[in-house]
Amino acid sequence: MPKVGIEPIRKKQLIEATLSSIGEYGLQGTTINTISGIAGMSSGIISHYFGGKQGLIEATVRYLLEQLKVTLLQRVEYSDALPAERLMMIVEANFTNVQQSDAATRTWLSFWAQAMHNKELAKLQRVNNRRLLSNLRYSFKQLMPRDKAVDAAKMTAAMIDGFWLRSALSDHSTDDFQEAELLCKQFIEKLISQNGAI
């Protein structure tokens, strides 16, 4: 008889093993055997819990998306942050150490490439995009007229994604991630200054 509560623990271990495997071997080199070897479990358990490698990859992406969401919520939930401060927290959430780790960056890069060919991953990407835009729009609307807020949110989302991508592909990623975060914040400050508070 299985122990109560063991399934969520094993699933998390397999997701963490998937991140490690993609970090070491890339998505193409990651197999059920590399994942189960890192996790120290039989390969059959992946099919049992996730239906196979693709299901586990999707669960791993959902895990990264959830980490992003939780990080932001933790920053804003118990604060009386002003809209401009909340915008800075959104930037910070996208550049945390978790999002900068080799395992996370390689998984995100693989995910973006595969999303063009996989409907389920494309759906997850759309959810991620909508969430970022929604959070940005919410704060910008409190600082400028609605039409300008919508444009500001789109430009800021592109800046965050673009700078994150450039940093992930850099030889000096730690320094580049720090600079990217700073530049995104400066960009937001300029947008607010140019469009004026309402």
Protein backbone atom coordinates (compact mmCIF):
# COMPACT_ATOMS: atom_id res chain seq x y z
CA MET A 1 0.00 0.00 0.00
CA PRO A 2 1.51 3.39 -1.00
CA LYS A 3 2.37 5.87 1.72
CA VAL A 4 -0.01 8.82 1.94
CA GLY A 5 1.54 12.00 0.60
CA ILE A 6 4.41 10.28 -1.23
CA GLU A 7 3.08 11.11 -4.72
CA PRO A 8 3.56 14.92 -4.48
CA ILE A 9 7.07 14.38 -3.08
CA ARG A 10 8.04 12.02 -5.90
CA LYS A 11 6.54 14.30 -8.54
CA LYS A 12 8.56 17.24 -7.21
CA GLN A 13 11.73 15.10 -7.17
CA LEU A 14 11.11 14.12 -10.81
CA ILE A 15 10.52 17.75 -11.81
CA GLU A 16 13.76 18.79 -10.10
CA ALA A 17 15.55 15.91 -11.81
CA THR A 18 14.14 17.08 -15.15
CA LEU A 19 15.50 20.58 -14.54
CA SER A 20 18.90 19.09 -13.69
CA SER A 21 18.87 16.83 -16.75
CA ILE A 22 17.94 19.66 -19.13
CA GLY A 23 20.61 21.82 -17.49
CA GLU A 24 23.23 19.12 -18.10
CA TYR A 25 22.12 17.48 -21.36
CA GLY A 26 19.68 19.95 -22.97
CA LEU A 27 16.11 19.07 -23.87
CA GLN A 28 17.07 16.82 -26.80
CA GLY A 29 19.58 14.90 -24.68
CA THR A 30 17.17 14.53 -21.78
CA THR A 31 15.52 11.13 -21.71
CA ILE A 32 13.39 9.18 -19.30
CA ASN A 33 16.59 7.34 -18.33
CA THR A 34 18.60 10.51 -17.58
CA ILE A 35 15.73 11.88 -15.48
CA SER A 36 15.10 8.68 -13.57
CA GLY A 37 18.85 8.24 -13.04
CA ILE A 38 19.20 11.70 -11.50
CA ALA A 39 16.06 11.17 -9.41
CA GLY A 40 17.19 7.70 -8.31
CA MET A 41 13.87 6.17 -9.34
CA SER A 42 12.74 3.61 -11.88
CA SER A 43 11.92 4.93 -15.35
CA GLY A 44 8.43 3.43 -15.11
CA ILE A 45 7.43 5.90 -12.42
CA ILE A 46 7.63 8.77 -14.94
CA SER A 47 5.00 7.10 -17.11
CA HIS A 48 2.96 6.30 -14.02
CA TYR A 49 2.84 9.90 -12.76
CA PHE A 50 3.16 11.93 -15.96
CA GLY A 51 2.31 9.61 -18.87
CA GLY A 52 5.82 9.94 -20.30
CA LYS A 53 8.59 12.44 -20.96
CA GLN A 54 6.36 15.05 -22.65
CA GLY A 55 3.97 15.12 -19.71
CA LEU A 56 6.88 15.57 -17.33
CA ILE A 57 8.34 18.39 -19.47
CA GLU A 58 4.97 20.16 -19.37
CA ALA A 59 4.75 19.68 -15.60
CA THR A 60 8.27 21.12 -15.26
CA VAL A 61 7.31 24.22 -17.25
CA ARG A 62 4.18 24.62 -15.11
CA TYR A 63 6.43 24.39 -12.05
CA LEU A 64 8.65 27.23 -13.34
CA LEU A 65 5.58 29.33 -14.17
CA GLU A 66 4.21 28.71 -10.68
CA GLN A 67 7.54 29.72 -9.12
CA LEU A 68 7.39 32.98 -11.07
CA LYS A 69 3.82 33.62 -9.91
CA VAL A 70 4.57 32.76 -6.26
CA THR A 71 7.67 34.97 -6.23
CA LEU A 72 5.65 37.97 -7.37
CA LEU A 73 2.78 37.27 -4.97
CA GLN A 74 5.20 36.98 -2.06
CA ARG A 75 6.64 40.40 -2.92
CA VAL A 76 3.32 42.23 -3.24
CA GLU A 77 0.92 40.32 -0.99
CA TYR A 78 1.85 41.91 2.33
CA SER A 79 3.02 45.27 1.09
CA ASP A 80 1.24 48.52 0.48
CA ALA A 81 3.33 49.05 -2.62
CA LEU A 82 2.59 52.04 -4.80
CA PRO A 83 2.02 51.25 -8.51
CA ALA A 84 5.58 52.21 -9.49
CA GLU A 85 7.00 50.04 -6.70
CA ARG A 86 4.81 47.15 -7.82
CA LEU A 87 6.20 47.47 -11.35
CA MET A 88 9.72 47.16 -9.93
CA MET A 89 8.65 44.03 -8.03
CA ILE A 90 7.38 42.50 -11.28
CA VAL A 91 10.82 43.08 -12.84
CA GLU A 92 12.57 41.62 -9.78
CA ALA A 93 10.37 38.50 -9.86
CA ASN A 94 11.51 37.82 -13.43
CA PHE A 95 15.20 38.13 -12.53
CA THR A 96 15.40 36.13 -9.28
CA ASN A 97 18.22 33.65 -8.71
CA VAL A 98 15.80 30.80 -9.46
CA GLN A 99 15.01 32.24 -12.90
CA GLN A 100 18.75 32.78 -13.53
CA SER A 101 19.92 29.27 -12.64
CA ASP A 102 21.46 27.17 -15.42
CA ALA A 103 18.71 24.58 -15.08
CA ALA A 104 15.93 27.18 -15.30
CA THR A 105 17.47 29.16 -18.17
CA ARG A 106 18.07 26.07 -20.28
CA THR A 107 14.59 24.78 -19.56
CA TRP A 108 13.01 28.14 -20.47
CA LEU A 109 15.02 28.33 -23.69
CA SER A 110 14.07 24.78 -24.62
CA PHE A 111 10.47 25.49 -23.71
CA TRP A 112 10.27 28.57 -25.95
CA ALA A 113 11.75 26.62 -28.87
CA GLN A 114 9.38 23.67 -28.39
CA ALA A 115 6.32 25.90 -27.88
CA MET A 116 6.37 26.63 -31.61
CA HIS A 117 5.74 22.95 -32.32
CA ASN A 118 3.69 21.77 -29.33
CA LYS A 119 0.13 23.00 -28.69
CA GLU A 120 0.21 22.37 -24.94
CA LEU A 121 3.50 24.21 -24.46
CA ALA A 122 2.23 27.03 -26.70
CA LYS A 123 -0.81 27.31 -24.46
CA LEU A 124 1.42 27.58 -21.38
CA GLN A 125 3.44 30.29 -23.13
CA ARG A 126 0.28 32.27 -23.86
CA VAL A 127 -0.78 31.99 -20.21
CA ASN A 128 2.65 33.26 -19.13
CA ASN A 129 2.49 36.19 -21.58
CA ARG A 130 -1.03 37.16 -20.53
CA ARG A 131 -0.13 37.05 -16.84
CA LEU A 132 2.90 39.32 -17.29
CA LEU A 133 0.95 41.80 -19.44
CA SER A 134 -1.98 41.82 -17.03
CA ASN A 135 0.24 42.54 -14.02
CA LEU A 136 2.05 45.32 -15.84
CA ARG A 137 -1.15 46.91 -17.20
CA TYR A 138 -2.75 46.90 -13.76
CA SER A 139 0.02 49.09 -12.32
CA PHE A 140 0.60 51.27 -15.37
CA LYS A 141 -3.14 52.14 -15.52
CA GLN A 142 -2.80 53.76 -12.13
CA LEU A 143 -0.01 55.99 -13.41
CA MET A 144 -1.07 57.06 -16.90
CA PRO A 145 -4.01 57.10 -19.33
CA ARG A 146 -5.32 53.66 -20.35
CA ASP A 147 -4.06 53.67 -23.95
CA LYS A 148 -0.59 54.67 -22.85
CA ALA A 149 -0.70 52.07 -20.05
CA VAL A 150 -1.48 49.29 -22.54
CA ASP A 151 1.46 50.32 -24.75
CA ALA A 152 3.75 50.70 -21.72
CA ALA A 153 2.86 47.17 -20.54
CA LYS A 154 3.64 45.68 -23.98
CA MET A 155 6.96 47.50 -24.25
CA THR A 156 7.98 46.57 -20.70
CA ALA A 157 7.08 42.90 -21.22
CA ALA A 158 9.23 42.89 -24.37
CA MET A 159 12.09 44.52 -22.46
CA ILE A 160 11.89 41.96 -19.65
CA ASP A 161 11.77 38.99 -22.03
CA GLY A 162 14.43 40.42 -24.34
CA PHE A 163 16.90 41.31 -21.63
CA TRP A 164 16.29 37.98 -19.87
CA LEU A 165 17.01 36.13 -23.13
CA ARG A 166 20.18 38.12 -23.85
CA SER A 167 21.39 37.50 -20.29
CA ALA A 168 20.63 33.78 -20.45
CA LEU A 169 22.72 33.49 -23.62
CA SER A 170 25.60 35.57 -22.26
CA ASP A 171 29.03 34.34 -21.14
CA HIS A 172 28.79 36.60 -18.07
CA SER A 173 25.18 35.86 -17.23
CA THR A 174 25.22 36.85 -13.53
CA ASP A 175 26.46 40.36 -14.25
CA ASP A 176 24.24 40.63 -17.31
CA PHE A 177 21.14 39.57 -15.36
CA GLN A 178 21.85 42.27 -12.76
CA GLU A 179 22.36 44.89 -15.46
CA ALA A 180 19.23 43.71 -17.29
CA GLU A 181 17.11 44.12 -14.16
CA LEU A 182 18.46 47.62 -13.63
CA LEU A 183 17.87 48.63 -17.26
CA CYS A 184 14.27 47.35 -17.15
CA LYS A 185 13.63 49.40 -14.03
CA GLN A 186 15.15 52.49 -15.62
CA PHE A 187 12.97 51.95 -18.69
CA ILE A 188 9.85 51.85 -16.50
CA GLU A 189 10.91 55.05 -14.74
CA LYS A 190 11.30 56.78 -18.12
CA LEU A 191 7.89 55.58 -19.28
CA ILE A 192 6.26 56.93 -16.14
CA SER A 193 8.13 60.22 -16.43
CA GLN A 194 7.26 60.67 -20.12
CA ASN A 195 3.60 59.79 -19.81
CA GLY A 196 3.03 61.57 -16.52
CA ALA A 197 1.01 60.46 -13.54
CA ILE A 198 -2.76 60.95 -13.71
